[in-house]
């Protein structure tokens, strides 16, 4: 399970699941066309991905 934690306030987010199959989302990253790395949480069965959570105006860190 990816646990996302805010480095500013300590808020954390636990398990996130796919609405289609119910499986737990896994942490990953993608590269944008301009070369930036974006952290995402994605369905292991390929149903899609979402940008990883944000808190205090910044991406939360996966641990």
C-alpha atoms as a PDB file:
ATOM      1  CA  UNK A   1       0.000   0.000   0.000  1.00  0.00           C
ATOM      2  CA  UNK A   2       1.285   3.447  -0.884  1.00  0.00           C
ATOM      3  CA  UNK A   3       1.005   5.820   2.051  1.00  0.00           C
ATOM      4  CA  UNK A   4       1.150   9.448   0.937  1.00  0.00           C
ATOM      5  CA  UNK A   5       2.412  11.955   3.508  1.00  0.00           C
ATOM      6  CA  UNK A   6       2.608  15.762   3.442  1.00  0.00           C
ATOM      7  CA  UNK A   7       6.109  16.987   4.253  1.00  0.00           C
ATOM      8  CA  UNK A   8       4.685  20.298   5.555  1.00  0.00           C
ATOM      9  CA  UNK A   9       1.891  19.363   7.985  1.00  0.00           C
ATOM     10  CA  UNK A  10       2.222  15.574   8.335  1.00  0.00           C
ATOM     11  CA  UNK A  11      -1.256  14.763   6.946  1.00  0.00           C
ATOM     12  CA  UNK A  12      -1.336  11.290   5.404  1.00  0.00           C
ATOM     13  CA  UNK A  13      -3.575   9.393   2.980  1.00  0.00           C
ATOM     14  CA  UNK A  14      -3.861   5.610   3.050  1.00  0.00           C
ATOM     15  CA  UNK A  15      -5.451   3.121   0.692  1.00  0.00           C
ATOM     16  CA  UNK A  16      -7.020   4.338  -2.554  1.00  0.00           C
ATOM     17  CA  UNK A  17      -8.877   1.849  -4.751  1.00  0.00           C
ATOM     18  CA  UNK A  18     -10.027   1.666  -8.383  1.00  0.00           C
ATOM     19  CA  UNK A  19     -13.737   2.375  -8.761  1.00  0.00           C
ATOM     20  CA  UNK A  20     -13.995  -0.170 -11.596  1.00  0.00           C
ATOM     21  CA  UNK A  21     -12.346  -3.281 -10.135  1.00  0.00           C
ATOM     22  CA  UNK A  22     -11.805  -2.369  -6.469  1.00  0.00           C
ATOM     23  CA  UNK A  23      -8.073  -3.119  -6.532  1.00  0.00           C
ATOM     24  CA  UNK A  24      -5.678  -0.911  -4.585  1.00  0.00           C
ATOM     25  CA  UNK A  25      -3.954   1.778  -6.662  1.00  0.00           C
ATOM     26  CA  UNK A  26      -0.173   1.561  -6.903  1.00  0.00           C
ATOM     27  CA  UNK A  27       2.324   4.431  -6.886  1.00  0.00           C
ATOM     28  CA  UNK A  28       4.060   5.241 -10.148  1.00  0.00           C
ATOM     29  CA  UNK A  29       5.307   8.224 -12.134  1.00  0.00           C
ATOM     30  CA  UNK A  30       5.010   9.506 -15.691  1.00  0.00           C
ATOM     31  CA  UNK A  31       7.044  11.974 -17.781  1.00  0.00           C
ATOM     32  CA  UNK A  32       5.240  14.896 -19.380  1.00  0.00           C
ATOM     33  CA  UNK A  33       6.033  16.065 -22.917  1.00  0.00           C
ATOM     34  CA  UNK A  34       8.313  18.746 -21.462  1.00  0.00           C
ATOM     35  CA  UNK A  35      10.272  16.169 -19.401  1.00  0.00           C
ATOM     36  CA  UNK A  36       8.717  16.857 -15.985  1.00  0.00           C
ATOM     37  CA  UNK A  37       8.135  13.859 -13.712  1.00  0.00           C
ATOM     38  CA  UNK A  38       4.601  13.644 -12.287  1.00  0.00           C
ATOM     39  CA  UNK A  39       3.706  11.168  -9.525  1.00  0.00           C
ATOM     40  CA  UNK A  40       0.529   9.165 -10.138  1.00  0.00           C
ATOM     41  CA  UNK A  41      -1.520   6.400  -8.551  1.00  0.00           C
ATOM     42  CA  UNK A  42      -2.672   3.803 -11.064  1.00  0.00           C
ATOM     43  CA  UNK A  43      -4.864   0.722 -11.284  1.00  0.00           C
ATOM     44  CA  UNK A  44      -2.754  -2.457 -11.568  1.00  0.00           C
ATOM     45  CA  UNK A  45      -5.291  -3.778 -14.122  1.00  0.00           C
ATOM     46  CA  UNK A  46      -4.925  -0.748 -16.398  1.00  0.00           C
ATOM     47  CA  UNK A  47      -8.257   0.974 -15.702  1.00  0.00           C
ATOM     48  CA  UNK A  48      -6.536   4.359 -15.448  1.00  0.00           C
ATOM     49  CA  UNK A  49      -4.428   6.628 -13.281  1.00  0.00           C
ATOM     50  CA  UNK A  50      -4.803   9.792 -11.253  1.00  0.00           C
ATOM     51  CA  UNK A  51      -2.324  12.417 -10.151  1.00  0.00           C
ATOM     52  CA  UNK A  52      -1.088  11.607  -6.669  1.00  0.00           C
ATOM     53  CA  UNK A  53      -2.644  13.625  -3.810  1.00  0.00           C
ATOM     54  CA  UNK A  54      -1.611  17.162  -2.862  1.00  0.00           C
ATOM     55  CA  UNK A  55      -1.594  18.926   0.511  1.00  0.00           C
ATOM     56  CA  UNK A  56      -0.357  22.366   1.578  1.00  0.00           C
ATOM     57  CA  UNK A  57       0.060  23.270  -2.100  1.00  0.00           C
ATOM     58  CA  UNK A  58       2.533  20.494  -2.943  1.00  0.00           C
ATOM     59  CA  UNK A  59       2.557  16.831  -3.948  1.00  0.00           C
ATOM     60  CA  UNK A  60       2.371  14.421  -1.041  1.00  0.00           C
ATOM     61  CA  UNK A  61       5.314  12.005  -0.850  1.00  0.00           C
ATOM     62  CA  UNK A  62       4.708   8.254  -1.299  1.00  0.00           C
ATOM     63  CA  UNK A  63       6.295   6.090   1.378  1.00  0.00           C
END
